[in-house]
Amino acid sequence: MYSPIRTFIILFSLYTGLAAQNDPDSLYLIADSLHKLEKYDEKLLVVKKIYNMYPNDYYAAENLGTAYLFADSLIQARRYLWDAIKSGQATDNAYYNLACIECRVGNMGLGLKYLEQSFIRGYIDYIHLDNDPDLDQARKMDKYQLLIQKVN
């Protein structure tokens, strides 16, 4: 967690000139800081602003989908992550986050397919993978164990 002073600076920048300039790099920095502060609803507002500026950009769609996931809006998250994937440029995180969504709603087979795609595209955060509560049920499956053995 950040110190109270750093938290204030981050949030102050959100509501002042930095955000008002509509600079996507600055807005992504603010969104990332809000994520680290676990201010997911506030992050969602910032990422929506970026997406509205660049509605055809896969990265904006991917980030909006991820923001919706952390705000527990799974239907919206799925929609925007799919938009990113349809672009053909989505990162490993888009597939990983779709895996999390599908596992959370009980679609384990589809979730594991997305998880495999995330590995193919370079997902390597094994510590997060081992501790992500979205994958708790999937970890109990033989298919999950086989997938993990395959990538290790």
C-alpha atoms as a PDB file:
ATOM      1  CA  MET A   1       0.000   0.000   0.000  1.00  0.00           C
ATOM      2  CA  TYR A   2       0.977   3.567  -0.571  1.00  0.00           C
ATOM      3  CA  SER A   3       1.572   6.116   2.147  1.00  0.00           C
ATOM      4  CA  PRO A   4      -1.276   8.577   2.814  1.00  0.00           C
ATOM      5  CA  ILE A   5       0.744  11.349   1.171  1.00  0.00           C
ATOM      6  CA  ARG A   6       1.325   9.341  -2.020  1.00  0.00           C
ATOM      7  CA  THR A   7      -2.333   8.344  -2.066  1.00  0.00           C
ATOM      8  CA  PHE A   8      -3.323  11.991  -1.837  1.00  0.00           C
ATOM      9  CA  ILE A   9      -0.964  12.965  -4.662  1.00  0.00           C
ATOM     10  CA  ILE A  10      -2.300  10.216  -6.905  1.00  0.00           C
ATOM     11  CA  LEU A  11      -5.922  11.064  -6.269  1.00  0.00           C
ATOM     12  CA  PHE A  12      -5.258  14.802  -6.530  1.00  0.00           C
ATOM     13  CA  SER A  13      -3.681  14.303  -9.944  1.00  0.00           C
ATOM     14  CA  LEU A  14      -6.767  12.403 -11.037  1.00  0.00           C
ATOM     15  CA  TYR A  15      -9.004  15.389 -10.481  1.00  0.00           C
ATOM     16  CA  THR A  16      -6.660  18.097 -11.721  1.00  0.00           C
ATOM     17  CA  GLY A  17      -4.818  19.052 -14.871  1.00  0.00           C
ATOM     18  CA  LEU A  18      -3.097  15.729 -15.466  1.00  0.00           C
ATOM     19  CA  ALA A  19      -6.371  13.947 -16.101  1.00  0.00           C
ATOM     20  CA  ALA A  20      -7.967  16.964 -17.740  1.00  0.00           C
ATOM     21  CA  GLN A  21      -5.272  16.985 -20.429  1.00  0.00           C
ATOM     22  CA  ASN A  22      -6.700  13.770 -21.871  1.00  0.00           C
ATOM     23  CA  ASP A  23      -3.222  12.332 -22.224  1.00  0.00           C
ATOM     24  CA  PRO A  24      -3.735   8.555 -22.414  1.00  0.00           C
ATOM     25  CA  ASP A  25      -0.310   7.749 -20.948  1.00  0.00           C
ATOM     26  CA  SER A  26      -1.050   9.909 -17.910  1.00  0.00           C
ATOM     27  CA  LEU A  27      -4.514   8.411 -17.602  1.00  0.00           C
ATOM     28  CA  TYR A  28      -3.103   4.866 -17.739  1.00  0.00           C
ATOM     29  CA  LEU A  29      -0.625   5.817 -15.017  1.00  0.00           C
ATOM     30  CA  ILE A  30      -3.468   7.115 -12.878  1.00  0.00           C
ATOM     31  CA  ALA A  31      -5.527   3.974 -13.548  1.00  0.00           C
ATOM     32  CA  ASP A  32      -2.597   1.767 -12.572  1.00  0.00           C
ATOM     33  CA  SER A  33      -2.102   3.733  -9.363  1.00  0.00           C
ATOM     34  CA  LEU A  34      -5.788   3.434  -8.507  1.00  0.00           C
ATOM     35  CA  HIS A  35      -5.600  -0.314  -9.135  1.00  0.00           C
ATOM     36  CA  LYS A  36      -2.689  -0.626  -6.714  1.00  0.00           C
ATOM     37  CA  LEU A  37      -4.756   1.301  -4.175  1.00  0.00           C
ATOM     38  CA  GLU A  38      -7.639  -1.156  -4.799  1.00  0.00           C
ATOM     39  CA  LYS A  39      -9.849   1.754  -5.914  1.00  0.00           C
ATOM     40  CA  TYR A  40     -11.447  -0.293  -8.674  1.00  0.00           C
ATOM     41  CA  ASP A  41     -14.552   1.833  -9.245  1.00  0.00           C
ATOM     42  CA  GLU A  42     -12.403   4.954  -9.600  1.00  0.00           C
ATOM     43  CA  LYS A  43     -10.058   3.086 -11.944  1.00  0.00           C
ATOM     44  CA  LEU A  44     -13.046   2.089 -14.036  1.00  0.00           C
ATOM     45  CA  LEU A  45     -13.990   5.754 -14.524  1.00  0.00           C
ATOM     46  CA  VAL A  46     -10.502   6.608 -15.744  1.00  0.00           C
ATOM     47  CA  VAL A  47     -10.292   3.629 -18.097  1.00  0.00           C
ATOM     48  CA  LYS A  48     -13.755   4.420 -19.505  1.00  0.00           C
ATOM     49  CA  LYS A  49     -12.428   7.869 -20.357  1.00  0.00           C
ATOM     50  CA  ILE A  50      -9.511   6.333 -22.242  1.00  0.00           C
ATOM     51  CA  TYR A  51     -11.797   3.905 -24.061  1.00  0.00           C
ATOM     52  CA  ASN A  52     -14.110   6.727 -25.096  1.00  0.00           C
ATOM     53  CA  MET A  53     -11.096   8.517 -26.569  1.00  0.00           C
ATOM     54  CA  TYR A  54      -9.938   5.366 -28.433  1.00  0.00           C
ATOM     55  CA  PRO A  55     -12.934   3.023 -28.904  1.00  0.00           C
ATOM     56  CA  ASN A  56     -11.227   0.966 -31.614  1.00  0.00           C
ATOM     57  CA  ASP A  57      -7.982   0.428 -29.728  1.00  0.00           C
ATOM     58  CA  TYR A  58      -7.494  -3.142 -28.499  1.00  0.00           C
ATOM     59  CA  TYR A  59      -5.454  -2.006 -25.504  1.00  0.00           C
ATOM     60  CA  ALA A  60      -8.173   0.392 -24.363  1.00  0.00           C
ATOM     61  CA  ALA A  61     -10.750  -2.396 -24.714  1.00  0.00           C
ATOM     62  CA  GLU A  62      -8.519  -4.842 -22.837  1.00  0.00           C
ATOM     63  CA  ASN A  63      -7.962  -2.384 -20.007  1.00  0.00           C
ATOM     64  CA  LEU A  64     -11.651  -1.574 -19.786  1.00  0.00           C
ATOM     65  CA  GLY A  65     -12.481  -5.277 -19.634  1.00  0.00           C
ATOM     66  CA  THR A  66      -9.948  -5.765 -16.871  1.00  0.00           C
ATOM     67  CA  ALA A  67     -11.312  -2.775 -14.957  1.00  0.00           C
ATOM     68  CA  TYR A  68     -14.830  -4.220 -15.200  1.00  0.00           C
ATOM     69  CA  LEU A  69     -13.521  -7.572 -13.945  1.00  0.00           C
ATOM     70  CA  PHE A  70     -12.068  -5.973 -10.828  1.00  0.00           C
ATOM     71  CA  ALA A  71     -15.286  -4.004 -10.346  1.00  0.00           C
ATOM     72  CA  ASP A  72     -17.164  -7.368 -10.452  1.00  0.00           C
ATOM     73  CA  SER A  73     -19.069  -6.531 -13.639  1.00  0.00           C
ATOM     74  CA  LEU A  74     -18.362  -9.823 -15.369  1.00  0.00           C
ATOM     75  CA  ILE A  75     -20.707  -9.401 -18.336  1.00  0.00           C
ATOM     76  CA  GLN A  76     -19.157  -6.055 -19.233  1.00  0.00           C
ATOM     77  CA  ALA A  77     -15.668  -7.419 -18.581  1.00  0.00           C
ATOM     78  CA  ARG A  78     -16.258 -10.325 -20.947  1.00  0.00           C
ATOM     79  CA  ARG A  79     -17.590  -8.004 -23.655  1.00  0.00           C
ATOM     80  CA  TYR A  80     -14.569  -5.696 -23.707  1.00  0.00           C
ATOM     81  CA  LEU A  81     -12.010  -8.473 -23.327  1.00  0.00           C
ATOM     82  CA  TRP A  82     -13.629 -10.190 -26.304  1.00  0.00           C
ATOM     83  CA  ASP A  83     -13.370  -6.950 -28.283  1.00  0.00           C
ATOM     84  CA  ALA A  84      -9.650  -6.907 -27.544  1.00  0.00           C
ATOM     85  CA  ILE A  85      -9.258 -10.545 -28.581  1.00  0.00           C
ATOM     86  CA  LYS A  86     -11.218 -10.042 -31.802  1.00  0.00           C
ATOM     87  CA  SER A  87      -8.672  -7.392 -32.772  1.00  0.00           C
ATOM     88  CA  GLY A  88      -6.007 -10.093 -32.955  1.00  0.00           C
ATOM     89  CA  GLN A  89      -3.668  -8.004 -30.803  1.00  0.00           C
ATOM     90  CA  ALA A  90      -4.795  -8.854 -27.274  1.00  0.00           C
ATOM     91  CA  THR A  91      -2.141  -9.646 -24.698  1.00  0.00           C
ATOM     92  CA  ASP A  92      -1.796 -12.712 -22.522  1.00  0.00           C
ATOM     93  CA  ASN A  93      -3.620 -10.831 -19.759  1.00  0.00           C
ATOM     94  CA  ALA A  94      -6.803 -10.563 -21.805  1.00  0.00           C
ATOM     95  CA  TYR A  95      -6.913 -14.351 -22.102  1.00  0.00           C
ATOM     96  CA  TYR A  96      -5.970 -14.808 -18.458  1.00  0.00           C
ATOM     97  CA  ASN A  97      -8.757 -12.472 -17.339  1.00  0.00           C
ATOM     98  CA  LEU A  98     -11.267 -14.270 -19.554  1.00  0.00           C
ATOM     99  CA  ALA A  99     -10.123 -17.526 -17.933  1.00  0.00           C
ATOM    100  CA  CYS A 100     -10.831 -15.979 -14.542  1.00  0.00           C
ATOM    101  CA  ILE A 101     -14.302 -14.862 -15.604  1.00  0.00           C
ATOM    102  CA  GLU A 102     -15.249 -18.253 -17.027  1.00  0.00           C
ATOM    103  CA  CYS A 103     -13.967 -20.093 -13.963  1.00  0.00           C
ATOM    104  CA  ARG A 104     -15.849 -17.724 -11.649  1.00  0.00           C
ATOM    105  CA  VAL A 105     -19.134 -18.468 -13.428  1.00  0.00           C
ATOM    106  CA  GLY A 106     -18.495 -22.223 -13.524  1.00  0.00           C
ATOM    107  CA  ASN A 107     -17.430 -22.629 -17.172  1.00  0.00           C
ATOM    108  CA  MET A 108     -14.275 -24.527 -16.224  1.00  0.00           C
ATOM    109  CA  GLY A 109     -13.603 -26.073 -19.626  1.00  0.00           C
ATOM    110  CA  LEU A 110     -13.739 -22.721 -21.390  1.00  0.00           C
ATOM    111  CA  GLY A 111     -11.799 -21.105 -18.585  1.00  0.00           C
ATOM    112  CA  LEU A 112      -8.985 -23.627 -18.968  1.00  0.00           C
ATOM    113  CA  LYS A 113      -8.918 -23.064 -22.741  1.00  0.00           C
ATOM    114  CA  TYR A 114      -8.444 -19.334 -22.154  1.00  0.00           C
ATOM    115  CA  LEU A 115      -5.826 -20.065 -19.532  1.00  0.00           C
ATOM    116  CA  GLU A 116      -3.927 -22.202 -22.021  1.00  0.00           C
ATOM    117  CA  GLN A 117      -4.132 -19.382 -24.569  1.00  0.00           C
ATOM    118  CA  SER A 118      -2.718 -16.988 -21.991  1.00  0.00           C
ATOM    119  CA  PHE A 119       0.281 -19.305 -21.530  1.00  0.00           C
ATOM    120  CA  ILE A 120       0.771 -19.588 -25.296  1.00  0.00           C
ATOM    121  CA  ARG A 121       0.875 -15.788 -25.447  1.00  0.00           C
ATOM    122  CA  GLY A 122       3.435 -15.555 -22.666  1.00  0.00           C
ATOM    123  CA  TYR A 123       1.641 -15.416 -19.321  1.00  0.00           C
ATOM    124  CA  ILE A 124       4.230 -16.283 -16.664  1.00  0.00           C
ATOM    125  CA  ASP A 125       3.005 -14.848 -13.352  1.00  0.00           C
ATOM    126  CA  TYR A 126       2.918 -18.222 -11.623  1.00  0.00           C
ATOM    127  CA  ILE A 127       2.763 -16.748  -8.118  1.00  0.00           C
ATOM    128  CA  HIS A 128      -0.427 -14.897  -9.017  1.00  0.00           C
ATOM    129  CA  LEU A 129      -1.725 -17.987 -10.797  1.00  0.00           C
ATOM    130  CA  ASP A 130      -1.243 -20.085  -7.665  1.00  0.00           C
ATOM    131  CA  ASN A 131      -3.045 -17.563  -5.452  1.00  0.00           C
ATOM    132  CA  ASP A 132      -5.786 -16.161  -7.681  1.00  0.00           C
ATOM    133  CA  PRO A 133      -9.122 -16.945  -5.985  1.00  0.00           C
ATOM    134  CA  ASP A 134     -10.868 -16.855  -9.370  1.00  0.00           C
ATOM    135  CA  LEU A 135      -9.136 -20.128 -10.204  1.00  0.00           C
ATOM    136  CA  ASP A 136      -9.767 -21.939  -6.919  1.00  0.00           C
ATOM    137  CA  GLN A 137     -12.264 -24.381  -8.426  1.00  0.00           C
ATOM    138  CA  ALA A 138     -10.183 -24.921 -11.554  1.00  0.00           C
ATOM    139  CA  ARG A 139      -7.137 -25.897  -9.477  1.00  0.00           C
ATOM    140  CA  LYS A 140      -9.071 -28.932  -8.233  1.00  0.00           C
ATOM    141  CA  MET A 141      -9.420 -30.289 -11.769  1.00  0.00           C
ATOM    142  CA  ASP A 142      -7.060 -32.806 -13.347  1.00  0.00           C
ATOM    143  CA  LYS A 143      -7.129 -30.770 -16.586  1.00  0.00           C
ATOM    144  CA  TYR A 144      -5.758 -27.768 -14.694  1.00  0.00           C
ATOM    145  CA  GLN A 145      -2.931 -29.830 -13.206  1.00  0.00           C
ATOM    146  CA  LEU A 146      -2.061 -31.248 -16.629  1.00  0.00           C
ATOM    147  CA  LEU A 147      -2.044 -27.755 -18.125  1.00  0.00           C
ATOM    148  CA  ILE A 148       0.293 -26.482 -15.421  1.00  0.00           C
ATOM    149  CA  GLN A 149       2.635 -29.441 -15.923  1.00  0.00           C
ATOM    150  CA  LYS A 150       2.627 -28.766 -19.648  1.00  0.00           C
ATOM    151  CA  VAL A 151       3.800 -25.164 -19.253  1.00  0.00           C
ATOM    152  CA  ASN A 152       6.363 -25.791 -16.512  1.00  0.00           C
END
